[in-house]
Amino acid sequence: FETTNDVPKCMRIIQMAKSAQRNNLADELHKIENETL
């Protein structure tokens, strides 16, 4: 609550959430060969 009530922090949260939603990796995940859990 304290974080989201801080205007600059809240702006960054929204920016980061939008960035995550835009950054879809579906077409690239086949490149990963490392063992993954």
Full PDB file with SEQRES, HELIX, SHEET, SSBOND, CRYST1, ORIGX, SCALE, CONECT and MASTER records, all heavy atoms in Angstrom:
SEQRES   1 A   37  PHE GLU THR THR ASN ASP VAL PRO LYS CYS MET ARG ILE          
SEQRES   2 A   37  ILE GLN MET ALA LYS SER ALA GLN ARG ASN ASN LEU ALA          
SEQRES   3 A   37  ASP GLU LEU HIS LYS ILE GLU ASN GLU THR LEU                  
HELIX    1 AA1 VAL A    7  ARG A   22  1                                  16    
HELIX    2 AA2 LEU A   29  LYS A   31  5                                   3    
CRYST1    1.000    1.000    1.000  90.00  90.00  90.00 P 1           1          
ORIGX1      1.000000  0.000000  0.000000        0.00000                         
ORIGX2      0.000000  1.000000  0.000000        0.00000                         
ORIGX3      0.000000  0.000000  1.000000        0.00000                         
SCALE1      1.000000  0.000000  0.000000        0.00000                         
SCALE2      0.000000  1.000000  0.000000        0.00000                         
SCALE3      0.000000  0.000000  1.000000        0.00000                         
ATOM      1  N   PHE A   1       0.833  -1.208   0.000  1.00  0.00           N  
ATOM      2  CA  PHE A   1       0.000   0.000   0.000  1.00  0.00           C  
ATOM      3  C   PHE A   1       0.864   1.254   0.000  1.00  0.00           C  
ATOM      4  O   PHE A   1       0.626   2.193  -0.755  1.00  0.00           O  
ATOM      5  CB  PHE A   1      -0.933   0.008   1.214  1.00  0.00           C  
ATOM      6  CG  PHE A   1      -1.737   1.268   1.340  1.00  0.00           C  
ATOM      7  CD1 PHE A   1      -2.796   1.533   0.478  1.00  0.00           C  
ATOM      8  CD2 PHE A   1      -1.428   2.214   2.313  1.00  0.00           C  
ATOM      9  CE1 PHE A   1      -3.535   2.710   0.580  1.00  0.00           C  
ATOM     10  CE2 PHE A   1      -2.152   3.391   2.424  1.00  0.00           C  
ATOM     11  CZ  PHE A   1      -3.213   3.638   1.552  1.00  0.00           C  
ATOM     12  N   GLU A   2       1.890   1.248   0.830  1.00  0.00           N  
ATOM     13  CA  GLU A   2       2.791   2.398   0.910  1.00  0.00           C  
ATOM     14  C   GLU A   2       3.483   2.627  -0.437  1.00  0.00           C  
ATOM     15  O   GLU A   2       3.627   3.767  -0.886  1.00  0.00           O  
ATOM     16  CB  GLU A   2       3.832   2.153   2.008  1.00  0.00           C  
ATOM     17  CG  GLU A   2       4.763   3.329   2.224  1.00  0.00           C  
ATOM     18  CD  GLU A   2       5.767   3.070   3.342  1.00  0.00           C  
ATOM     19  OE1 GLU A   2       5.529   2.189   4.187  1.00  0.00           O  
ATOM     20  OE2 GLU A   2       6.802   3.755   3.349  1.00  0.00           O  
ATOM     21  N   THR A   3       3.881   1.538  -1.077  1.00  0.00           N  
ATOM     22  CA  THR A   3       4.550   1.635  -2.379  1.00  0.00           C  
ATOM     23  C   THR A   3       3.619   2.214  -3.435  1.00  0.00           C  
ATOM     24  O   THR A   3       3.966   3.132  -4.176  1.00  0.00           O  
ATOM     25  CB  THR A   3       5.056   0.257  -2.828  1.00  0.00           C  
ATOM     26  OG1 THR A   3       6.007  -0.230  -1.870  1.00  0.00           O  
ATOM     27  CG2 THR A   3       5.714   0.319  -4.195  1.00  0.00           C  
ATOM     28  N   THR A   4       2.399   1.667  -3.511  1.00  0.00           N  
ATOM     29  CA  THR A   4       1.459   2.118  -4.548  1.00  0.00           C  
ATOM     30  C   THR A   4       0.916   3.518  -4.266  1.00  0.00           C  
ATOM     31  O   THR A   4       0.384   4.173  -5.158  1.00  0.00           O  
ATOM     32  CB  THR A   4       0.273   1.140  -4.686  1.00  0.00           C  
ATOM     33  OG1 THR A   4      -0.407   1.020  -3.420  1.00  0.00           O  
ATOM     34  CG2 THR A   4       0.741  -0.234  -5.132  1.00  0.00           C  
ATOM     35  N   ASN A   5       1.041   3.976  -3.030  1.00  0.00           N  
ATOM     36  CA  ASN A   5       0.544   5.303  -2.669  1.00  0.00           C  
ATOM     37  C   ASN A   5       1.572   6.390  -2.959  1.00  0.00           C  
ATOM     38  O   ASN A   5       1.285   7.573  -2.821  1.00  0.00           O  
ATOM     39  CB  ASN A   5       0.153   5.332  -1.191  1.00  0.00           C  
ATOM     40  CG  ASN A   5      -0.978   6.309  -0.916  1.00  0.00           C  
ATOM     41  OD1 ASN A   5      -1.866   6.480  -1.750  1.00  0.00           O  
ATOM     42  ND2 ASN A   5      -0.952   6.952   0.232  1.00  0.00           N  
ATOM     43  N   ASP A   6       2.770   5.957  -3.349  1.00  0.00           N  
ATOM     44  CA  ASP A   6       3.839   6.878  -3.718  1.00  0.00           C  
ATOM     45  C   ASP A   6       3.730   7.115  -5.230  1.00  0.00           C  
ATOM     46  O   ASP A   6       3.887   6.181  -6.015  1.00  0.00           O  
ATOM     47  CB  ASP A   6       5.184   6.237  -3.348  1.00  0.00           C  
ATOM     48  CG  ASP A   6       6.369   7.123  -3.677  1.00  0.00           C  
ATOM     49  OD1 ASP A   6       6.531   7.480  -4.868  1.00  0.00           O  
ATOM     50  OD2 ASP A   6       7.155   7.421  -2.769  1.00  0.00           O  
ATOM     51  N   VAL A   7       3.448   8.356  -5.646  1.00  0.00           N  
ATOM     52  CA  VAL A   7       3.167   8.643  -7.066  1.00  0.00           C  
ATOM     53  C   VAL A   7       4.285   8.178  -7.997  1.00  0.00           C  
ATOM     54  O   VAL A   7       4.030   7.450  -8.970  1.00  0.00           O  
ATOM     55  CB  VAL A   7       2.855  10.143  -7.286  1.00  0.00           C  
ATOM     56  CG1 VAL A   7       2.690  10.436  -8.770  1.00  0.00           C  
ATOM     57  CG2 VAL A   7       1.578  10.525  -6.546  1.00  0.00           C  
ATOM     58  N   PRO A   8       5.557   8.552  -7.762  1.00  0.00           N  
ATOM     59  CA  PRO A   8       6.615   8.100  -8.674  1.00  0.00           C  
ATOM     60  C   PRO A   8       6.742   6.576  -8.730  1.00  0.00           C  
ATOM     61  O   PRO A   8       6.937   5.996  -9.802  1.00  0.00           O  
ATOM     62  CB  PRO A   8       7.880   8.735  -8.094  1.00  0.00           C  
ATOM     63  CG  PRO A   8       7.395   9.916  -7.315  1.00  0.00           C  
ATOM     64  CD  PRO A   8       6.083   9.473  -6.736  1.00  0.00           C  
ATOM     65  N   LYS A   9       6.615   5.920  -7.569  1.00  0.00           N  
ATOM     66  CA  LYS A   9       6.712   4.458  -7.548  1.00  0.00           C  
ATOM     67  C   LYS A   9       5.542   3.836  -8.297  1.00  0.00           C  
ATOM     68  O   LYS A   9       5.701   2.855  -9.040  1.00  0.00           O  
ATOM     69  CB  LYS A   9       6.755   3.941  -6.101  1.00  0.00           C  
ATOM     70  CG  LYS A   9       8.068   4.221  -5.402  1.00  0.00           C  
ATOM     71  CD  LYS A   9       8.079   3.626  -4.000  1.00  0.00           C  
ATOM     72  CE  LYS A   9       9.408   3.886  -3.299  1.00  0.00           C  
ATOM     73  NZ  LYS A   9       9.432   3.331  -1.922  1.00  0.00           N  
ATOM     74  N   CYS A  10       4.347   4.386  -8.090  1.00  0.00           N  
ATOM     75  CA  CYS A  10       3.158   3.850  -8.751  1.00  0.00           C  
ATOM     76  C   CYS A  10       3.288   3.972 -10.272  1.00  0.00           C  
ATOM     77  O   CYS A  10       2.911   3.062 -11.021  1.00  0.00           O  
ATOM     78  CB  CYS A  10       1.911   4.586  -8.272  1.00  0.00           C  
ATOM     79  SG  CYS A  10       0.369   3.748  -8.691  1.00  0.00           S  
ATOM     80  N   MET A  11       3.854   5.085 -10.741  1.00  0.00           N  
ATOM     81  CA  MET A  11       4.072   5.261 -12.181  1.00  0.00           C  
ATOM     82  C   MET A  11       5.008   4.191 -12.720  1.00  0.00           C  
ATOM     83  O   MET A  11       4.786   3.634 -13.808  1.00  0.00           O  
ATOM     84  CB  MET A  11       4.654   6.654 -12.455  1.00  0.00           C  
ATOM     85  CG  MET A  11       3.667   7.791 -12.246  1.00  0.00           C  
ATOM     86  SD  MET A  11       4.458   9.420 -12.399  1.00  0.00           S  
ATOM     87  CE  MET A  11       4.944   9.402 -14.120  1.00  0.00           C  
ATOM     88  N   ARG A  12       6.035   3.861 -11.961  1.00  0.00           N  
ATOM     89  CA  ARG A  12       6.990   2.848 -12.400  1.00  0.00           C  
ATOM     90  C   ARG A  12       6.368   1.455 -12.384  1.00  0.00           C  
ATOM     91  O   ARG A  12       6.655   0.628 -13.262  1.00  0.00           O  
ATOM     92  CB  ARG A  12       8.244   2.895 -11.520  1.00  0.00           C  
ATOM     93  CG  ARG A  12       9.094   4.131 -11.774  1.00  0.00           C  
ATOM     94  CD  ARG A  12      10.204   4.275 -10.741  1.00  0.00           C  
ATOM     95  NE  ARG A  12      11.112   5.367 -11.060  1.00  0.00           N  
ATOM     96  CZ  ARG A  12      10.897   6.639 -10.760  1.00  0.00           C  
ATOM     97  NH1 ARG A  12       9.773   6.988 -10.134  1.00  0.00           N  
ATOM     98  NH2 ARG A  12      11.775   7.566 -11.082  1.00  0.00           N  
ATOM     99  N   ILE A  13       5.525   1.190 -11.398  1.00  0.00           N  
ATOM    100  CA  ILE A  13       4.826  -0.098 -11.338  1.00  0.00           C  
ATOM    101  C   ILE A  13       3.982  -0.287 -12.596  1.00  0.00           C  
ATOM    102  O   ILE A  13       4.001  -1.350 -13.231  1.00  0.00           O  
ATOM    103  CB  ILE A  13       3.934  -0.177 -10.077  1.00  0.00           C  
ATOM    104  CG1 ILE A  13       4.806  -0.292  -8.824  1.00  0.00           C  
ATOM    105  CG2 ILE A  13       2.971  -1.374 -10.160  1.00  0.00           C  
ATOM    106  CD1 ILE A  13       4.036  -0.055  -7.533  1.00  0.00           C  
ATOM    107  N   ILE A  14       3.238   0.745 -12.962  1.00  0.00           N  
ATOM    108  CA  ILE A  14       2.376   0.667 -14.150  1.00  0.00           C  
ATOM    109  C   ILE A  14       3.218   0.483 -15.411  1.00  0.00           C  
ATOM    110  O   ILE A  14       2.907  -0.347 -16.271  1.00  0.00           O  
ATOM    111  CB  ILE A  14       1.491   1.925 -14.245  1.00  0.00           C  
ATOM    112  CG1 ILE A  14       0.473   1.933 -13.099  1.00  0.00           C  
ATOM    113  CG2 ILE A  14       0.768   1.980 -15.589  1.00  0.00           C  
ATOM    114  CD1 ILE A  14      -0.302   3.222 -12.943  1.00  0.00           C  
ATOM    115  N   GLN A  15       4.308   1.236 -15.512  1.00  0.00           N  
ATOM    116  CA  GLN A  15       5.195   1.112 -16.671  1.00  0.00           C  
ATOM    117  C   GLN A  15       5.770  -0.298 -16.779  1.00  0.00           C  
ATOM    118  O   GLN A  15       5.832  -0.876 -17.860  1.00  0.00           O  
ATOM    119  CB  GLN A  15       6.347   2.114 -16.571  1.00  0.00           C  
ATOM    120  CG  GLN A  15       5.959   3.536 -16.907  1.00  0.00           C  
ATOM    121  CD  GLN A  15       5.698   3.726 -18.394  1.00  0.00           C  
ATOM    122  OE1 GLN A  15       4.548   3.691 -18.837  1.00  0.00           O  
ATOM    123  NE2 GLN A  15       6.754   3.901 -19.158  1.00  0.00           N  
ATOM    124  N   MET A  16       6.215  -0.845 -15.636  1.00  0.00           N  
ATOM    125  CA  MET A  16       6.825  -2.170 -15.639  1.00  0.00           C  
ATOM    126  C   MET A  16       5.795  -3.243 -15.980  1.00  0.00           C  
ATOM    127  O   MET A  16       6.085  -4.185 -16.733  1.00  0.00           O  
ATOM    128  CB  MET A  16       7.469  -2.457 -14.276  1.00  0.00           C  
ATOM    129  CG  MET A  16       8.373  -3.676 -14.281  1.00  0.00           C  
ATOM    130  SD  MET A  16       9.845  -3.501 -15.336  1.00  0.00           S  
ATOM    131  CE  MET A  16      10.848  -2.397 -14.326  1.00  0.00           C  
ATOM    132  N   ALA A  17       4.584  -3.109 -15.431  1.00  0.00           N  
ATOM    133  CA  ALA A  17       3.525  -4.089 -15.719  1.00  0.00           C  
ATOM    134  C   ALA A  17       3.165  -4.065 -17.207  1.00  0.00           C  
ATOM    135  O   ALA A  17       2.987  -5.121 -17.832  1.00  0.00           O  
ATOM    136  CB  ALA A  17       2.291  -3.789 -14.864  1.00  0.00           C  
ATOM    137  N   LYS A  18       3.096  -2.872 -17.786  1.00  0.00           N  
ATOM    138  CA  LYS A  18       2.791  -2.758 -19.212  1.00  0.00           C  
ATOM    139  C   LYS A  18       3.920  -3.357 -20.049  1.00  0.00           C  
ATOM    140  O   LYS A  18       3.676  -4.015 -21.070  1.00  0.00           O  
ATOM    141  CB  LYS A  18       2.576  -1.291 -19.594  1.00  0.00           C  
ATOM    142  CG  LYS A  18       1.249  -0.713 -19.102  1.00  0.00           C  
ATOM    143  CD  LYS A  18       1.103   0.738 -19.540  1.00  0.00           C  
ATOM    144  CE  LYS A  18      -0.250   1.307 -19.126  1.00  0.00           C  
ATOM    145  NZ  LYS A  18      -0.389   2.731 -19.518  1.00  0.00           N  
ATOM    146  N   SER A  19       5.163  -3.127 -19.623  1.00  0.00           N  
ATOM    147  CA  SER A  19       6.314  -3.673 -20.334  1.00  0.00           C  
ATOM    148  C   SER A  19       6.274  -5.198 -20.338  1.00  0.00           C  
ATOM    149  O   SER A  19       6.540  -5.841 -21.359  1.00  0.00           O  
ATOM    150  CB  SER A  19       7.614  -3.179 -19.684  1.00  0.00           C  
ATOM    151  OG  SER A  19       8.738  -3.801 -20.256  1.00  0.00           O  
ATOM    152  N   ALA A  20       5.903  -5.782 -19.194  1.00  0.00           N  
ATOM    153  CA  ALA A  20       5.826  -7.236 -19.098  1.00  0.00           C  
ATOM    154  C   ALA A  20       4.742  -7.796 -20.012  1.00  0.00           C  
ATOM    155  O   ALA A  20       4.923  -8.831 -20.668  1.00  0.00           O  
ATOM    156  CB  ALA A  20       5.561  -7.651 -17.649  1.00  0.00           C  
ATOM    157  N   GLN A  21       3.618  -7.105 -20.080  1.00  0.00           N  
ATOM    158  CA  GLN A  21       2.527  -7.578 -20.926  1.00  0.00           C  
ATOM    159  C   GLN A  21       2.860  -7.456 -22.411  1.00  0.00           C  
ATOM    160  O   GLN A  21       2.469  -8.290 -23.216  1.00  0.00           O  
ATOM    161  CB  GLN A  21       1.238  -6.825 -20.586  1.00  0.00           C  
ATOM    162  CG  GLN A  21       0.681  -7.194 -19.217  1.00  0.00           C  
ATOM    163  CD  GLN A  21      -0.560  -6.403 -18.834  1.00  0.00           C  
ATOM    164  OE1 GLN A  21      -0.769  -5.291 -19.312  1.00  0.00           O  
ATOM    165  NE2 GLN A  21      -1.371  -6.963 -17.965  1.00  0.00           N  
ATOM    166  N   ARG A  22       3.616  -6.407 -22.764  1.00  0.00           N  
ATOM    167  CA  ARG A  22       4.012  -6.219 -24.167  1.00  0.00           C  
ATOM    168  C   ARG A  22       5.088  -7.218 -24.592  1.00  0.00           C  
ATOM    169  O   ARG A  22       5.166  -7.596 -25.750  1.00  0.00           O  
ATOM    170  CB  ARG A  22       4.570  -4.800 -24.373  1.00  0.00           C  
ATOM    171  CG  ARG A  22       3.537  -3.702 -24.428  1.00  0.00           C  
ATOM    172  CD  ARG A  22       4.148  -2.420 -24.984  1.00  0.00           C  
ATOM    173  NE  ARG A  22       5.330  -2.002 -24.243  1.00  0.00           N  
ATOM    174  CZ  ARG A  22       5.316  -1.136 -23.238  1.00  0.00           C  
ATOM    175  NH1 ARG A  22       4.170  -0.599 -22.847  1.00  0.00           N  
ATOM    176  NH2 ARG A  22       6.428  -0.790 -22.619  1.00  0.00           N  
ATOM    177  N   ASN A  23       5.918  -7.619 -23.635  1.00  0.00           N  
ATOM    178  CA  ASN A  23       7.097  -8.414 -23.955  1.00  0.00           C  
ATOM    179  C   ASN A  23       6.761  -9.902 -23.935  1.00  0.00           C  
ATOM    180  O   ASN A  23       7.089 -10.622 -22.990  1.00  0.00           O  
ATOM    181  CB  ASN A  23       8.218  -8.092 -22.956  1.00  0.00           C  
ATOM    182  CG  ASN A  23       9.579  -8.492 -23.466  1.00  0.00           C  
ATOM    183  OD1 ASN A  23       9.806  -9.651 -23.753  1.00  0.00           O  
ATOM    184  ND2 ASN A  23      10.474  -7.529 -23.576  1.00  0.00           N  
ATOM    185  N   ASN A  24       6.112 -10.372 -24.992  1.00  0.00           N  
ATOM    186  CA  ASN A  24       5.705 -11.777 -25.073  1.00  0.00           C  
ATOM    187  C   ASN A  24       6.821 -12.588 -25.726  1.00  0.00           C  
ATOM    188  O   ASN A  24       7.312 -12.244 -26.804  1.00  0.00           O  
ATOM    189  CB  ASN A  24       4.409 -11.892 -25.878  1.00  0.00           C  
ATOM    190  CG  ASN A  24       3.813 -13.281 -25.796  1.00  0.00           C  
ATOM    191  OD1 ASN A  24       4.368 -14.240 -26.329  1.00  0.00           O  
ATOM    192  ND2 ASN A  24       2.668 -13.401 -25.124  1.00  0.00           N  
ATOM    193  N   LEU A  25       7.219 -13.678 -25.074  1.00  0.00           N  
ATOM    194  CA  LEU A  25       8.385 -14.446 -25.503  1.00  0.00           C  
ATOM    195  C   LEU A  25       8.027 -15.751 -26.219  1.00  0.00           C  
ATOM    196  O   LEU A  25       8.905 -16.577 -26.457  1.00  0.00           O  
ATOM    197  CB  LEU A  25       9.254 -14.769 -24.276  1.00  0.00           C  
ATOM    198  CG  LEU A  25       9.748 -13.569 -23.464  1.00  0.00           C  
ATOM    199  CD1 LEU A  25      10.488 -14.045 -22.226  1.00  0.00           C  
ATOM    200  CD2 LEU A  25      10.631 -12.660 -24.301  1.00  0.00           C  
ATOM    201  N   ALA A  26       6.763 -15.914 -26.591  1.00  0.00           N  
ATOM    202  CA  ALA A  26       6.303 -17.185 -27.162  1.00  0.00           C  
ATOM    203  C   ALA A  26       7.140 -17.650 -28.353  1.00  0.00           C  
ATOM    204  O   ALA A  26       7.417 -18.849 -28.506  1.00  0.00           O  
ATOM    205  CB  ALA A  26       4.831 -17.082 -27.570  1.00  0.00           C  
ATOM    206  N   ASP A  27       7.562 -16.722 -29.199  1.00  0.00           N  
ATOM    207  CA  ASP A  27       8.298 -17.091 -30.414  1.00  0.00           C  
ATOM    208  C   ASP A  27       9.779 -17.325 -30.176  1.00  0.00           C  
ATOM    209  O   ASP A  27      10.500 -17.712 -31.103  1.00  0.00           O  
ATOM    210  CB  ASP A  27       8.126 -15.996 -31.482  1.00  0.00           C  
ATOM    211  CG  ASP A  27       6.691 -15.888 -31.966  1.00  0.00           C  
ATOM    212  OD1 ASP A  27       5.955 -16.892 -31.879  1.00  0.00           O  
ATOM    213  OD2 ASP A  27       6.304 -14.792 -32.430  1.00  0.00           O  
ATOM    214  N   GLU A  28      10.250 -17.098 -28.949  1.00  0.00           N  
ATOM    215  CA  GLU A  28      11.681 -17.211 -28.677  1.00  0.00           C  
ATOM    216  C   GLU A  28      12.048 -18.320 -27.700  1.00  0.00           C  
ATOM    217  O   GLU A  28      13.215 -18.706 -27.605  1.00  0.00           O  
ATOM    218  CB  GLU A  28      12.199 -15.877 -28.135  1.00  0.00           C  
ATOM    219  CG  GLU A  28      12.011 -14.703 -29.096  1.00  0.00           C  
ATOM    220  CD  GLU A  28      12.543 -13.404 -28.513  1.00  0.00           C  
ATOM    221  OE1 GLU A  28      13.768 -13.300 -28.356  1.00  0.00           O  
ATOM    222  OE2 GLU A  28      11.727 -12.523 -28.184  1.00  0.00           O  
ATOM    223  N   LEU A  29      11.058 -18.844 -26.979  1.00  0.00           N  
ATOM    224  CA  LEU A  29      11.368 -19.800 -25.912  1.00  0.00           C  
ATOM    225  C   LEU A  29      11.998 -21.086 -26.420  1.00  0.00           C  
ATOM    226  O   LEU A  29      12.713 -21.776 -25.679  1.00  0.00           O  
ATOM    227  CB  LEU A  29      10.097 -20.122 -25.109  1.00  0.00           C  
ATOM    228  CG  LEU A  29       9.505 -18.950 -24.303  1.00  0.00           C  
ATOM    229  CD1 LEU A  29       8.241 -19.393 -23.593  1.00  0.00           C  
ATOM    230  CD2 LEU A  29      10.516 -18.401 -23.299  1.00  0.00           C  
ATOM    231  N   HIS A  30      11.762 -21.428 -27.698  1.00  0.00           N  
ATOM    232  CA  HIS A  30      12.341 -22.667 -28.249  1.00  0.00           C  
ATOM    233  C   HIS A  30      13.864 -22.616 -28.286  1.00  0.00           C  
ATOM    234  O   HIS A  30      14.524 -23.656 -28.403  1.00  0.00           O  
ATOM    235  CB  HIS A  30      11.806 -22.912 -29.668  1.00  0.00           C  
ATOM    236  CG  HIS A  30      12.305 -21.923 -30.677  1.00  0.00           C  
ATOM    237  ND1 HIS A  30      11.729 -20.678 -30.838  1.00  0.00           N  
ATOM    238  CD2 HIS A  30      13.346 -21.982 -31.550  1.00  0.00           C  
ATOM    239  CE1 HIS A  30      12.384 -20.016 -31.783  1.00  0.00           C  
ATOM    240  NE2 HIS A  30      13.370 -20.786 -32.232  1.00  0.00           N  
ATOM    241  N   LYS A  31      14.427 -21.422 -28.173  1.00  0.00           N  
ATOM    242  CA  LYS A  31      15.882 -21.276 -28.210  1.00  0.00           C  
ATOM    243  C   LYS A  31      16.557 -21.754 -26.917  1.00  0.00           C  
ATOM    244  O   LYS A  31      17.755 -22.038 -26.905  1.00  0.00           O  
ATOM    245  CB  LYS A  31      16.254 -19.803 -28.451  1.00  0.00           C  
ATOM    246  CG  LYS A  31      15.737 -19.232 -29.765  1.00  0.00           C  
ATOM    247  CD  LYS A  31      16.031 -17.745 -29.840  1.00  0.00           C  
ATOM    248  CE  LYS A  31      15.424 -17.106 -31.088  1.00  0.00           C  
ATOM    249  NZ  LYS A  31      15.633 -15.634 -31.104  1.00  0.00           N  
ATOM    250  N   ILE A  32      15.780 -21.816 -25.843  1.00  0.00           N  
ATOM    251  CA  ILE A  32      16.351 -22.184 -24.536  1.00  0.00           C  
ATOM    252  C   ILE A  32      16.584 -23.687 -24.467  1.00  0.00           C  
ATOM    253  O   ILE A  32      15.668 -24.480 -24.705  1.00  0.00           O  
ATOM    254  CB  ILE A  32      15.413 -21.743 -23.391  1.00  0.00           C  
ATOM    255  CG1 ILE A  32      15.262 -20.219 -23.391  1.00  0.00           C  
ATOM    256  CG2 ILE A  32      15.937 -22.229 -22.035  1.00  0.00           C  
ATOM    257  CD1 ILE A  32      14.231 -19.693 -22.417  1.00  0.00           C  
ATOM    258  N   GLU A  33      17.816 -24.073 -24.150  1.00  0.00           N  
ATOM    259  CA  GLU A  33      18.145 -25.490 -24.035  1.00  0.00           C  
ATOM    260  C   GLU A  33      18.591 -25.872 -22.632  1.00  0.00           C  
ATOM    261  O   GLU A  33      18.803 -27.045 -22.353  1.00  0.00           O  
ATOM    262  CB  GLU A  33      19.228 -25.852 -25.062  1.00  0.00           C  
ATOM    263  CG  GLU A  33      18.760 -25.651 -26.507  1.00  0.00           C  
ATOM    264  CD  GLU A  33      19.753 -26.160 -27.531  1.00  0.00           C  
ATOM    265  OE1 GLU A  33      20.873 -26.559 -27.114  1.00  0.00           O  
ATOM    266  OE2 GLU A  33      19.427 -26.166 -28.728  1.00  0.00           O  
ATOM    267  N   ASN A  34      18.731 -24.890 -21.755  1.00  0.00           N  
ATOM    268  CA  ASN A  34      19.133 -25.167 -20.375  1.00  0.00           C  
ATOM    269  C   ASN A  34      18.052 -25.969 -19.656  1.00  0.00           C  
ATOM    270  O   ASN A  34      16.865 -25.784 -19.902  1.00  0.00           O  
ATOM    271  CB  ASN A  34      19.367 -23.855 -19.631  1.00  0.00           C  
ATOM    272  CG  ASN A  34      20.311 -22.916 -20.364  1.00  0.00           C  
ATOM    273  OD1 ASN A  34      19.979 -22.440 -21.444  1.00  0.00           O  
ATOM    274  ND2 ASN A  34      21.467 -22.630 -19.794  1.00  0.00           N  
ATOM    275  N   GLU A  35      18.471 -26.857 -18.754  1.00  0.00           N  
ATOM    276  CA  GLU A  35      17.513 -27.596 -17.931  1.00  0.00           C  
ATOM    277  C   GLU A  35      16.664 -26.598 -17.146  1.00  0.00           C  
ATOM    278  O   GLU A  35      17.196 -25.693 -16.500  1.00  0.00           O  
ATOM    279  CB  GLU A  35      18.245 -28.525 -16.956  1.00  0.00           C  
ATOM    280  CG  GLU A  35      18.902 -29.721 -17.612  1.00  0.00           C  
ATOM    281  CD  GLU A  35      17.903 -30.822 -17.945  1.00  0.00           C  
ATOM    282  OE1 GLU A  35      16.721 -30.684 -17.574  1.00  0.00           O  
ATOM    283  OE2 GLU A  35      18.317 -31.817 -18.563  1.00  0.00           O  
ATOM    284  N   THR A  36      15.351 -26.780 -17.232  1.00  0.00           N  
ATOM    285  CA  THR A  36      14.435 -25.808 -16.624  1.00  0.00           C  
ATOM    286  C   THR A  36      13.378 -26.515 -15.791  1.00  0.00           C  
ATOM    287  O   THR A  36      12.796 -27.508 -16.215  1.00  0.00           O  
ATOM    288  CB  THR A  36      13.739 -24.969 -17.722  1.00  0.00           C  
ATOM    289  OG1 THR A  36      14.735 -24.262 -18.482  1.00  0.00           O  
ATOM    290  CG2 THR A  36      12.772 -23.967 -17.118  1.00  0.00           C  
ATOM    291  N   LEU A  37      13.130 -25.989 -14.596  1.00  0.00           N  
ATOM    292  CA  LEU A  37      12.058 -26.471 -13.731  1.00  0.00           C  
ATOM    293  C   LEU A  37      10.986 -25.391 -13.632  1.00  0.00           C  
ATOM    294  O   LEU A  37      11.281 -24.223 -13.369  1.00  0.00           O  
ATOM    295  CB  LEU A  37      12.599 -26.787 -12.335  1.00  0.00           C  
ATOM    296  CG  LEU A  37      11.550 -27.150 -11.275  1.00  0.00           C  
ATOM    297  CD1 LEU A  37      10.827 -28.453 -11.638  1.00  0.00           C  
ATOM    298  CD2 LEU A  37      12.205 -27.281  -9.892  1.00  0.00           C  
TER     299      LEU A  37                                                      
MASTER        0    0    0    2    0    0    0    6  298    1    0    3          
END                                                                             
